Amino acid sequence: MAQLACSSSNEDLNANYCALDHCYSPAIIVGNGPSGISLSYLLSGNWPYYTGEPHPDPYLHARLLENEEQSILQQDLEFLSSGLEGRSHNPVAVLFDNLYQPNADLVDDEKSRLEWRYHPAKAVAHRVLGRGPPGGSWRDMDDSVRTLSQGRWMELPGVNFSDWVAEYRKRVGKCCNSSDNRATLGDVGRYYKEYVETMGLEKSFRPYTLVTSVQRLKGRRVINSESGEPEIQCQRCRKYEGQNLFEVKGHFLRDTTCCEKQVSACDSFTVLTPNVILATGMVGIPNRLNVPGEDLPYVLYSVKDLEVAIQQEDVHSNSDPVLIIGSGLNAADAVLAAQSAGVPVVHAFRRSAFDKVLIFSKLPESVYPEYHRVHLMMQQRGWEEGAADRSYISLPQHTVHEFQPGHRVAVKGPNACGYVRVSVAVVLIGSRPDLTFLPNDGTHLGVQSDGSPITYQHNPIEVNPYTMESTAETGLYAMGPLVGDNFVRFAKGGALAIASHICKKLQDATDP
């Protein structure tokens, strides 16, 4: 087993038991995207303070002045966030957004009302586990696609995003368009990776790790069922048995260095912790249509897989069309990717192209012209309307009933059914969180009490809104999309709530 976090006293190293079997950390963050990064920044001892400059909301300003000398993290977040309104359902997320970027929906240049002070003595040791380098799913995204959010909303504390983009593009010899408020996904991914390095957070990150199990060890000894010996063979960690701890298990995905030791791919690790934070982000398990033939090799489930097929010339301008299924932004990105490569598209979706529920109606055309272009094609380029131009065919109110061998797909519309011969089919109808490492996939954690799977929109994890701690599991926290905050802008507030609660718990435990 490999070591994730442990001390190195001579007494421990000379113990009769293997010192690497189990390790202890005060907190484990599962996920190394912007949610996990922002929480790591706070737990590393970087605390926010109110600058004292009058806030546009005079009532919030008055509440903040009552304990101006204290960090926001130390204060009563329920009191501070009372009465605030914003685009998140989580009150601390709205509070942080109001302080970090006041009036963000109305103006671009309102100064932050937060200053950051570094308190190394108040840092909480923690580990951030992720399948790849810091940045989460952002690191793998298409460099040409632009973010839905404005660039400044992707920013993390301490490193101005716009300044970083300008400096980075100058560094690599790229042109910087200062009038474009939306960054590319590639820029955002690189920003998060460099942010971890710039802010000195690398020591807490364990990249290339896959968490396979998180379970509670509540007041019981852990015995190996085969040998009958104590499962926790590390004397340093056995003292924690009987406490309210979680056991986090997993393995490394590639040869790497961990705690100044070389580890190999598939080496396993186990760590005990009283606090587990779920920060797994948006990319999870793709939703399926549940129709025959979905496992055929020509059926894909991500824009990235489509891009790979284009790069490998499995699909091209003279091939059969790509069938894109779905009506959200991912489906629109797939349409744009195919069209930019000259690949013909057939686009099928369940709703009417004029349905107000579609996301396109909520996006300003001046800011998102590419998505409005796709929406216009969805409305105007059906089989009949698109007869003169076969590069894009829209199939509104159509469903797929079967994927057949030979790249034939059975589709059914309001007036007819038939078959479409395709090069590949790309199913983009959303995803659900991958919580397979939790007992019962975490179904007991949702806001619905019927054991339904956790979903981003309809059944997020139920948490205390001021601490982000699960209402079902003490010591288990969730943040970001898992609690309905799909935008980085609001996930940072979840980090504040969690860091505040953990720091207060540790303080209470040490007070006489």
Protein backbone atom coordinates (compact mmCIF):
# COMPACT_ATOMS: atom_id res chain seq x y z
CA MET A 1 0.00 0.00 0.00
CA ALA A 2 1.17 3.53 -0.70
CA GLN A 3 1.32 6.44 1.69
CA LEU A 4 -0.92 9.48 1.25
CA ALA A 5 -0.27 11.41 4.42
CA CYS A 6 1.58 10.60 7.59
CA SER A 7 4.12 11.90 10.03
CA SER A 8 7.67 10.61 10.09
CA SER A 9 8.67 10.26 13.72
CA ASN A 10 11.37 7.70 14.49
CA GLU A 11 8.98 5.92 16.84
CA ASP A 12 6.52 5.36 14.01
CA LEU A 13 9.13 4.36 11.47
CA ASN A 14 10.58 1.78 13.86
CA ALA A 15 7.18 0.31 14.71
CA ASN A 16 6.64 -3.43 14.43
CA TYR A 17 3.82 -2.84 11.99
CA CYS A 18 4.10 -1.54 8.45
CA ALA A 19 4.01 2.26 8.61
CA LEU A 20 2.45 2.54 5.16
CA ASP A 21 -0.70 0.46 5.60
CA HIS A 22 -2.98 3.18 6.88
CA CYS A 23 -2.57 6.93 7.06
CA TYR A 24 -4.53 9.71 8.70
CA SER A 25 -5.50 13.14 7.41
CA PRO A 26 -7.84 15.69 9.01
CA ALA A 27 -9.66 16.12 5.69
CA ILE A 28 -9.85 14.36 2.33
CA ILE A 29 -11.20 16.17 -0.74
CA VAL A 30 -12.39 13.86 -3.53
CA GLY A 31 -12.01 15.83 -6.76
CA ASN A 32 -9.30 18.27 -7.84
CA GLY A 33 -11.28 20.65 -10.03
CA PRO A 34 -12.07 24.29 -9.14
CA SER A 35 -14.27 23.25 -6.19
CA GLY A 36 -11.53 21.19 -4.60
CA ILE A 37 -8.87 23.78 -5.44
CA SER A 38 -10.79 26.65 -3.85
CA LEU A 39 -11.37 24.61 -0.68
CA SER A 40 -7.69 23.66 -0.55
CA TYR A 41 -6.76 27.35 -0.75
CA LEU A 42 -8.89 28.13 2.30
CA LEU A 43 -7.81 25.09 4.31
CA SER A 44 -4.18 26.01 3.61
CA GLY A 45 -4.61 29.04 5.87
CA ASN A 46 -5.76 31.69 3.39
CA TRP A 47 -8.61 33.47 5.13
CA PRO A 48 -10.93 36.18 3.73
CA TYR A 49 -11.52 39.49 5.54
CA TYR A 50 -13.91 42.32 4.80
CA THR A 51 -12.04 45.33 3.43
CA GLY A 52 -14.40 47.73 5.18
CA GLU A 53 -15.09 49.67 1.99
CA PRO A 54 -18.86 50.28 1.89
CA HIS A 55 -20.72 47.49 0.16
CA PRO A 56 -23.50 48.28 -2.35
CA ASP A 57 -25.85 46.45 0.03
CA PRO A 58 -25.95 48.70 3.13
CA TYR A 59 -27.52 45.99 5.31
CA LEU A 60 -24.75 43.52 4.49
CA HIS A 61 -22.20 46.27 5.10
CA ALA A 62 -23.65 46.91 8.55
CA ARG A 63 -23.58 43.21 9.48
CA LEU A 64 -19.98 42.89 8.34
CA LEU A 65 -18.84 45.87 10.40
CA GLU A 66 -20.04 44.22 13.62
CA ASN A 67 -17.01 41.87 13.60
CA GLU A 68 -14.78 43.61 11.10
CA GLU A 69 -11.57 42.40 12.75
CA GLN A 70 -12.57 38.76 12.35
CA SER A 71 -12.20 36.72 9.20
CA ILE A 72 -15.44 35.98 7.36
CA LEU A 73 -14.53 32.33 7.89
CA GLN A 74 -14.77 32.76 11.68
CA GLN A 75 -18.13 34.52 11.69
CA ASP A 76 -21.75 33.40 11.73
CA LEU A 77 -22.39 32.71 8.05
CA GLU A 78 -26.12 32.29 8.56
CA PHE A 79 -26.32 35.79 10.04
CA LEU A 80 -24.15 37.34 7.32
CA SER A 81 -26.08 35.74 4.46
CA SER A 82 -29.56 36.50 5.74
CA GLY A 83 -31.72 38.46 3.31
CA LEU A 84 -29.31 38.17 0.37
CA GLU A 85 -30.56 37.21 -3.07
CA GLY A 86 -28.64 35.71 -5.94
CA ARG A 87 -28.55 33.03 -8.60
CA SER A 88 -27.61 30.20 -6.24
CA HIS A 89 -29.94 28.35 -3.88
CA ASN A 90 -27.12 28.09 -1.34
CA PRO A 91 -27.00 31.20 0.90
CA VAL A 92 -23.26 31.10 1.64
CA ALA A 93 -22.55 30.90 -2.09
CA VAL A 94 -24.63 34.06 -2.55
CA LEU A 95 -22.78 35.73 0.35
CA PHE A 96 -19.35 34.95 -1.06
CA ASP A 97 -20.40 36.06 -4.55
CA ASN A 98 -21.66 39.37 -3.14
CA LEU A 99 -18.32 39.97 -1.44
CA TYR A 100 -15.94 38.66 -4.07
CA GLN A 101 -17.66 40.26 -7.08
CA PRO A 102 -20.36 42.70 -5.89
CA ASN A 103 -23.13 43.29 -8.43
CA ALA A 104 -21.46 40.78 -10.75
CA ASP A 105 -24.57 40.45 -12.92
CA LEU A 106 -24.77 44.20 -13.51
CA VAL A 107 -21.25 45.61 -13.69
CA ASP A 108 -17.80 44.31 -14.59
CA ASP A 109 -15.52 46.53 -12.57
CA GLU A 110 -16.92 46.59 -9.03
CA LYS A 111 -14.03 46.05 -6.63
CA SER A 112 -13.92 42.98 -4.44
CA ARG A 113 -14.73 43.60 -0.80
CA LEU A 114 -12.45 40.79 0.32
CA GLU A 115 -8.79 40.81 1.21
CA TRP A 116 -6.87 37.62 1.86
CA ARG A 117 -4.48 37.03 4.74
CA TYR A 118 -2.26 34.00 5.14
CA HIS A 119 -2.33 32.28 8.54
CA PRO A 120 -0.04 29.24 8.29
CA ALA A 121 -0.67 28.35 11.94
CA LYS A 122 -4.39 27.98 11.18
CA ALA A 123 -3.92 25.71 8.17
CA VAL A 124 -5.74 22.37 8.21
CA ALA A 125 -3.76 19.46 6.78
CA HIS A 126 -5.68 17.85 3.95
CA ARG A 127 -5.31 15.85 0.76
CA VAL A 128 -6.94 16.52 -2.60
CA LEU A 129 -7.42 13.37 -4.67
CA GLY A 130 -8.04 13.49 -8.42
CA ARG A 131 -7.77 11.21 -11.43
CA GLY A 132 -5.44 13.55 -13.27
CA PRO A 133 -3.50 16.79 -12.77
CA PRO A 134 -5.17 19.65 -10.86
CA GLY A 135 -8.05 21.18 -12.80
CA GLY A 136 -10.49 18.28 -12.86
CA SER A 137 -12.43 17.83 -16.09
CA TRP A 138 -11.35 21.29 -17.30
CA ARG A 139 -7.89 20.01 -18.16
CA ASP A 140 -9.28 17.73 -20.90
CA MET A 141 -11.65 20.19 -22.56
CA ASP A 142 -11.48 21.52 -26.11
CA ASP A 143 -9.17 24.49 -26.41
CA SER A 144 -11.37 26.11 -29.07
CA VAL A 145 -14.70 26.01 -27.21
CA ARG A 146 -15.54 29.04 -25.08
CA THR A 147 -16.93 28.97 -21.57
CA LEU A 148 -20.59 29.54 -20.86
CA SER A 149 -19.68 31.84 -17.97
CA GLN A 150 -17.73 35.05 -18.34
CA GLY A 151 -14.02 34.61 -17.77
CA ARG A 152 -13.93 36.57 -14.53
CA TRP A 153 -16.50 34.19 -13.03
CA MET A 154 -14.04 31.30 -13.51
CA GLU A 155 -11.51 33.07 -11.29
CA LEU A 156 -10.20 31.76 -7.97
CA PRO A 157 -8.97 34.02 -5.14
CA GLY A 158 -5.52 35.53 -5.44
CA VAL A 159 -4.89 35.24 -9.19
CA ASN A 160 -6.80 37.61 -11.50
CA PHE A 161 -8.07 35.50 -14.39
CA SER A 162 -7.99 38.21 -17.07
CA ASP A 163 -4.44 39.18 -16.14
CA TRP A 164 -3.39 35.54 -16.19
CA VAL A 165 -4.91 34.96 -19.65
CA ALA A 166 -3.16 38.04 -21.05
CA GLU A 167 0.17 36.95 -19.54
CA TYR A 168 -0.23 33.34 -20.69
CA ARG A 169 -1.10 34.26 -24.27
CA LYS A 170 1.84 36.64 -24.39
CA ARG A 171 4.04 33.86 -23.03
CA VAL A 172 3.02 31.41 -25.78
CA GLY A 173 2.70 34.00 -28.55
CA LYS A 174 -1.08 33.98 -28.88
CA CYS A 175 -3.23 37.00 -29.69
CA CYS A 176 -5.28 38.23 -26.73
CA ASN A 177 -8.73 39.65 -27.53
CA SER A 178 -9.42 41.90 -24.56
CA SER A 179 -13.00 42.58 -25.74
CA ASP A 180 -14.01 38.90 -25.44
CA ASN A 181 -15.28 38.25 -21.91
CA ARG A 182 -15.54 34.49 -22.45
CA ALA A 183 -12.38 32.43 -22.18
CA THR A 184 -11.67 29.14 -23.93
CA LEU A 185 -12.06 25.94 -21.95
CA GLY A 186 -8.37 25.26 -22.53
CA ASP A 187 -7.40 28.58 -20.96
CA VAL A 188 -9.50 27.78 -17.90
CA GLY A 189 -7.94 24.34 -17.49
CA ARG A 190 -4.42 25.75 -17.69
CA TYR A 191 -5.34 28.53 -15.26
CA TYR A 192 -6.47 26.04 -12.62
CA LYS A 193 -3.35 23.91 -13.02
CA GLU A 194 -1.03 26.92 -12.74
CA TYR A 195 -3.11 28.34 -9.88
CA VAL A 196 -2.24 25.34 -7.71
CA GLU A 197 1.44 25.88 -8.47
CA THR A 198 1.36 29.66 -8.02
CA MET A 199 -0.44 29.49 -4.67
CA GLY A 200 1.85 26.76 -3.33
CA LEU A 201 -0.88 24.16 -2.93
CA GLU A 202 0.89 21.24 -4.65
CA LYS A 203 1.92 19.59 -1.39
CA SER A 204 -1.73 18.85 -0.64
CA PHE A 205 -2.59 17.42 -4.07
CA ARG A 206 -2.39 13.75 -4.99
CA PRO A 207 -2.99 13.52 -8.75
CA TYR A 208 -3.54 10.28 -10.64
CA THR A 209 -5.49 8.71 -7.79
CA LEU A 210 -8.80 6.88 -8.11
CA VAL A 211 -11.01 6.63 -5.03
CA THR A 212 -12.79 3.27 -5.00
CA SER A 213 -14.39 3.22 -1.54
CA VAL A 214 -15.47 5.64 1.18
CA GLN A 215 -17.07 4.05 4.21
CA ARG A 216 -17.61 4.97 7.82
CA LEU A 217 -15.67 3.20 10.59
CA LYS A 218 -17.96 4.17 13.39
CA GLY A 219 -16.78 2.93 16.76
CA ARG A 220 -15.53 -0.46 15.62
CA ARG A 221 -12.22 -2.18 15.15
CA VAL A 222 -11.31 -3.06 11.60
CA ILE A 223 -10.42 -6.77 11.37
CA ASN A 224 -9.22 -8.53 8.23
CA SER A 225 -11.86 -11.20 7.57
CA GLU A 226 -9.31 -13.62 6.08
CA SER A 227 -6.40 -13.39 8.50
CA GLY A 228 -8.23 -12.31 11.64
CA GLU A 229 -5.53 -9.71 12.19
CA PRO A 230 -6.19 -6.00 12.74
CA GLU A 231 -6.76 -4.36 9.37
CA ILE A 232 -5.08 -1.20 10.62
CA GLN A 233 -1.55 -2.43 11.12
CA CYS A 234 -0.02 1.01 11.51
CA GLN A 235 0.41 1.73 15.23
CA ARG A 236 0.29 5.43 14.48
CA CYS A 237 -3.19 5.14 13.02
CA ARG A 238 -4.69 2.41 15.18
CA LYS A 239 -5.16 4.93 17.97
CA TYR A 240 -7.92 6.49 15.86
CA GLU A 241 -10.02 3.30 15.95
CA GLY A 242 -13.34 3.84 17.66
CA GLN A 243 -13.56 7.45 16.55
CA ASN A 244 -16.09 8.72 14.04
CA LEU A 245 -13.88 8.24 10.99
CA PHE A 246 -14.16 7.46 7.32
CA GLU A 247 -11.93 4.97 5.56
CA VAL A 248 -10.99 6.15 2.07
CA LYS A 249 -9.53 3.52 -0.26
CA GLY A 250 -8.24 3.73 -3.79
CA HIS A 251 -5.28 3.19 -6.07
CA PHE A 252 -2.87 5.14 -8.22
CA LEU A 253 -3.55 5.37 -11.95
CA ARG A 254 0.04 5.77 -13.08
CA ASP A 255 3.60 5.70 -11.85
CA THR A 256 4.15 8.88 -9.88
CA THR A 257 5.67 10.35 -6.73
CA CYS A 258 3.68 10.53 -3.52
CA CYS A 259 5.06 11.83 -0.21
CA GLU A 260 8.55 11.81 -1.73
CA LYS A 261 8.20 8.11 -2.55
CA GLN A 262 7.85 6.42 -5.92
CA VAL A 263 4.57 4.60 -6.40
CA SER A 264 3.44 2.47 -9.30
CA ALA A 265 0.20 2.34 -11.21
CA CYS A 266 -2.36 0.19 -9.38
CA ASP A 267 -0.60 0.59 -6.01
CA SER A 268 -3.36 0.91 -3.44
CA PHE A 269 -3.76 3.35 -0.58
CA THR A 270 -5.94 3.68 2.49
CA VAL A 271 -6.40 6.81 4.55
CA LEU A 272 -8.50 7.52 7.64
CA THR A 273 -10.16 10.88 8.07
CA PRO A 274 -12.97 12.49 10.08
CA ASN A 275 -13.92 14.74 7.15
CA VAL A 276 -14.61 13.73 3.55
CA ILE A 277 -15.53 16.41 1.02
CA LEU A 278 -17.19 15.37 -2.24
CA ALA A 279 -16.06 17.79 -4.96
CA THR A 280 -16.35 15.59 -8.02
CA GLY A 281 -17.72 18.27 -10.35
CA MET A 282 -19.98 17.99 -13.39
CA VAL A 283 -18.43 15.18 -15.41
CA GLY A 284 -19.87 11.88 -14.26
CA ILE A 285 -21.66 8.93 -15.82
CA PRO A 286 -23.37 9.77 -19.14
CA ASN A 287 -27.12 9.25 -19.23
CA ARG A 288 -28.23 6.54 -21.60
CA LEU A 289 -31.28 6.16 -23.80
CA ASN A 290 -31.90 2.58 -22.61
CA VAL A 291 -32.65 1.29 -26.09
CA PRO A 292 -31.28 -1.77 -27.89
CA GLY A 293 -27.82 -1.46 -29.38
CA GLU A 294 -26.44 1.30 -27.15
CA ASP A 295 -23.24 -0.66 -26.57
CA LEU A 296 -22.36 -0.87 -30.27
CA PRO A 297 -18.94 0.71 -30.91
CA TYR A 298 -20.25 3.50 -33.13
CA VAL A 299 -22.35 4.94 -30.25
CA LEU A 300 -20.41 7.65 -28.38
CA TYR A 301 -21.20 9.61 -25.22
CA SER A 302 -19.05 12.75 -25.21
CA VAL A 303 -17.98 15.62 -27.44
CA LYS A 304 -14.38 14.59 -26.80
CA ASP A 305 -15.05 11.14 -28.28
CA LEU A 306 -16.51 12.82 -31.37
CA GLU A 307 -13.43 15.03 -31.67
CA VAL A 308 -11.20 11.95 -31.48
CA ALA A 309 -13.23 10.30 -34.24
CA ILE A 310 -12.79 13.44 -36.38
CA GLN A 311 -9.04 13.59 -35.70
CA GLN A 312 -8.65 9.92 -36.61
CA GLU A 313 -10.74 10.54 -39.76
CA ASP A 314 -13.29 7.93 -38.76
CA VAL A 315 -15.76 10.63 -39.77
CA HIS A 316 -15.13 13.25 -42.44
CA SER A 317 -16.85 15.43 -45.02
CA ASN A 318 -17.62 12.47 -47.32
CA SER A 319 -18.74 10.03 -44.65
CA ASP A 320 -22.27 9.27 -43.55
CA PRO A 321 -23.59 11.97 -41.22
CA VAL A 322 -22.98 12.14 -37.50
CA LEU A 323 -26.19 11.63 -35.53
CA ILE A 324 -26.22 13.97 -32.52
CA ILE A 325 -28.89 13.26 -29.90
CA GLY A 326 -29.80 15.94 -27.36
CA SER A 327 -30.83 19.59 -27.16
CA GLY A 328 -28.48 21.06 -24.57
CA LEU A 329 -25.21 22.94 -24.82
CA ASN A 330 -23.14 19.76 -25.10
CA ALA A 331 -25.18 18.75 -28.13
CA ALA A 332 -24.69 22.24 -29.59
CA ASP A 333 -20.93 21.94 -29.00
CA ALA A 334 -20.98 18.63 -30.88
CA VAL A 335 -22.82 20.25 -33.80
CA LEU A 336 -20.24 23.04 -33.91
CA ALA A 337 -17.33 20.57 -33.71
CA ALA A 338 -18.71 18.50 -36.58
CA GLN A 339 -19.48 21.52 -38.74
CA SER A 340 -16.03 23.02 -38.21
CA ALA A 341 -14.60 19.79 -39.65
CA GLY A 342 -17.07 19.77 -42.55
CA VAL A 343 -18.83 16.66 -41.24
CA PRO A 344 -22.57 16.41 -42.08
CA VAL A 345 -24.92 16.32 -39.08
CA VAL A 346 -28.33 14.86 -38.33
CA HIS A 347 -29.57 16.34 -35.05
CA ALA A 348 -32.38 14.57 -33.18
CA PHE A 349 -34.02 15.83 -30.00
CA ARG A 350 -37.26 15.17 -28.09
CA ARG A 351 -38.58 18.70 -27.69
CA SER A 352 -39.86 21.21 -30.19
CA ALA A 353 -37.11 23.52 -31.39
CA PHE A 354 -39.31 26.41 -30.24
CA ASP A 355 -39.78 25.09 -26.70
CA LYS A 356 -38.99 27.84 -24.19
CA VAL A 357 -37.47 25.25 -21.86
CA LEU A 358 -34.43 24.94 -24.13
CA ILE A 359 -31.35 26.62 -22.67
CA PHE A 360 -30.80 28.77 -25.76
CA SER A 361 -33.68 31.08 -24.89
CA LYS A 362 -31.91 31.99 -21.64
CA LEU A 363 -28.63 33.06 -23.29
CA PRO A 364 -28.15 36.60 -24.66
CA GLU A 365 -27.50 36.36 -28.39
CA SER A 366 -24.84 39.08 -28.28
CA VAL A 367 -22.76 37.05 -25.82
CA TYR A 368 -23.42 33.55 -27.18
CA PRO A 369 -23.77 33.93 -30.97
CA GLU A 370 -22.54 30.41 -31.74
CA TYR A 371 -25.27 28.77 -29.65
CA HIS A 372 -27.96 30.95 -31.19
CA ARG A 373 -26.73 29.93 -34.63
CA VAL A 374 -27.24 26.28 -33.69
CA HIS A 375 -30.67 27.06 -32.25
CA LEU A 376 -31.68 28.81 -35.47
CA MET A 377 -30.63 25.76 -37.49
CA MET A 378 -32.64 23.53 -35.15
CA GLN A 379 -35.71 25.64 -35.97
CA GLN A 380 -35.20 26.01 -39.72
CA ARG A 381 -33.30 23.08 -41.15
CA GLY A 382 -35.59 20.03 -41.04
CA TRP A 383 -35.68 17.31 -43.69
CA GLU A 384 -37.71 19.48 -46.05
CA GLU A 385 -36.19 22.86 -45.22
CA GLY A 386 -32.66 21.48 -45.36
CA ALA A 387 -33.11 19.59 -48.60
CA ALA A 388 -30.81 21.94 -50.50
CA ASP A 389 -28.11 21.76 -47.83
CA ARG A 390 -27.52 18.33 -46.35
CA SER A 391 -24.74 19.53 -44.03
CA TYR A 392 -27.23 19.85 -41.16
CA ILE A 393 -30.62 18.21 -40.76
CA SER A 394 -32.82 18.93 -37.74
CA LEU A 395 -35.15 16.25 -36.34
CA PRO A 396 -37.22 17.95 -33.63
CA GLN A 397 -39.59 15.84 -31.53
CA HIS A 398 -37.79 12.68 -32.61
CA THR A 399 -36.62 9.80 -30.45
CA VAL A 400 -34.18 6.98 -31.08
CA HIS A 401 -35.65 3.49 -30.71
CA GLU A 402 -32.75 1.25 -31.69
CA PHE A 403 -29.11 1.27 -32.76
CA GLN A 404 -28.58 -1.52 -35.25
CA PRO A 405 -25.44 -3.18 -36.62
CA GLY A 406 -24.29 -1.62 -39.85
CA HIS A 407 -24.59 1.92 -38.42
CA ARG A 408 -28.38 2.03 -38.89
CA VAL A 409 -30.42 3.93 -36.31
CA ALA A 410 -34.20 3.64 -35.94
CA VAL A 411 -35.81 7.02 -35.21
CA LYS A 412 -39.43 7.98 -34.66
CA GLY A 413 -41.03 11.39 -35.07
CA PRO A 414 -44.53 12.79 -34.62
CA ASN A 415 -45.59 11.84 -38.15
CA ALA A 416 -43.30 9.04 -39.28
CA CYS A 417 -40.56 6.62 -38.36
CA GLY A 418 -37.58 5.42 -40.31
CA TYR A 419 -33.87 4.65 -40.35
CA VAL A 420 -30.83 6.87 -40.58
CA ARG A 421 -27.47 5.51 -41.70
CA VAL A 422 -24.72 7.25 -39.74
CA SER A 423 -20.97 7.20 -39.29
CA VAL A 424 -21.26 7.60 -35.51
CA ALA A 425 -24.02 8.52 -33.08
CA VAL A 426 -23.29 10.83 -30.14
CA VAL A 427 -25.71 10.61 -27.20
CA LEU A 428 -25.56 13.87 -25.22
CA ILE A 429 -28.55 13.89 -22.89
CA GLY A 430 -26.83 14.84 -19.66
CA SER A 431 -24.97 12.90 -17.00
CA ARG A 432 -25.23 11.96 -13.36
CA PRO A 433 -22.55 12.03 -10.66
CA ASP A 434 -20.23 9.06 -10.38
CA LEU A 435 -20.56 8.18 -6.70
CA THR A 436 -19.96 4.46 -7.09
CA PHE A 437 -17.30 4.68 -4.38
CA LEU A 438 -20.02 5.39 -1.78
CA PRO A 439 -22.28 2.76 -0.20
CA ASN A 440 -25.33 2.30 -2.45
CA ASP A 441 -23.88 4.94 -4.78
CA GLY A 442 -24.80 7.60 -2.22
CA THR A 443 -28.54 7.28 -2.85
CA HIS A 444 -29.26 7.82 0.87
CA LEU A 445 -27.74 11.31 0.65
CA GLY A 446 -30.22 12.90 -1.78
CA VAL A 447 -32.97 15.41 -1.12
CA GLN A 448 -35.43 12.74 -2.24
CA SER A 449 -35.93 10.18 0.50
CA ASP A 450 -36.96 7.32 -1.80
CA GLY A 451 -33.45 6.14 -2.62
CA SER A 452 -33.40 7.70 -6.08
CA PRO A 453 -29.98 8.13 -7.75
CA ILE A 454 -28.19 11.40 -7.07
CA THR A 455 -28.61 13.84 -9.96
CA TYR A 456 -27.38 17.38 -10.47
CA GLN A 457 -30.80 18.97 -11.03
CA HIS A 458 -33.56 16.90 -9.47
CA ASN A 459 -31.91 15.02 -6.60
CA PRO A 460 -28.73 16.75 -5.39
CA ILE A 461 -27.10 15.81 -2.10
CA GLU A 462 -29.01 17.30 0.83
CA VAL A 463 -26.76 19.44 3.01
CA ASN A 464 -26.96 22.00 5.77
CA PRO A 465 -26.94 25.20 3.69
CA TYR A 466 -24.53 26.99 6.04
CA THR A 467 -21.94 24.21 6.45
CA MET A 468 -22.41 22.03 3.33
CA GLU A 469 -22.36 19.01 5.67
CA SER A 470 -24.61 16.14 4.66
CA THR A 471 -27.80 15.90 6.68
CA ALA A 472 -27.47 12.10 6.53
CA GLU A 473 -23.75 11.65 7.34
CA THR A 474 -21.83 13.67 9.94
CA GLY A 475 -18.41 14.61 8.61
CA LEU A 476 -19.37 14.12 4.96
CA TYR A 477 -19.58 17.33 2.90
CA ALA A 478 -20.55 18.09 -0.68
CA MET A 479 -20.01 21.13 -2.87
CA GLY A 480 -20.30 22.41 -6.42
CA PRO A 481 -22.63 20.64 -8.86
CA LEU A 482 -23.41 17.91 -6.30
CA VAL A 483 -25.41 20.50 -4.32
CA GLY A 484 -26.76 22.41 -7.33
CA ASP A 485 -23.95 24.97 -7.77
CA ASN A 486 -23.05 24.25 -11.39
CA PHE A 487 -20.97 27.40 -11.84
CA VAL A 488 -17.47 27.96 -10.45
CA ARG A 489 -18.65 31.39 -9.41
CA PHE A 490 -20.83 29.85 -6.68
CA ALA A 491 -18.78 26.76 -5.81
CA LYS A 492 -16.30 29.06 -4.04
CA GLY A 493 -18.99 29.92 -1.49
CA GLY A 494 -19.41 26.24 -0.74
CA ALA A 495 -15.69 26.11 -0.03
CA LEU A 496 -16.09 28.97 2.46
CA ALA A 497 -18.92 27.16 4.27
CA ILE A 498 -16.98 23.89 4.53
CA ALA A 499 -13.69 25.47 5.58
CA SER A 500 -15.48 27.54 8.20
CA HIS A 501 -17.22 24.51 9.69
CA ILE A 502 -14.11 22.30 9.75
CA CYS A 503 -11.96 25.04 11.28
CA LYS A 504 -14.58 25.70 13.95
CA LYS A 505 -14.82 21.98 14.75
CA LEU A 506 -11.06 21.73 15.18
CA GLN A 507 -11.03 24.86 17.34
CA ASP A 508 -13.80 23.47 19.54
CA ALA A 509 -11.88 20.20 19.93
CA THR A 510 -8.74 21.99 21.15
CA ASP A 511 -10.43 24.50 23.45
CA PRO A 512 -10.20 23.52 27.13
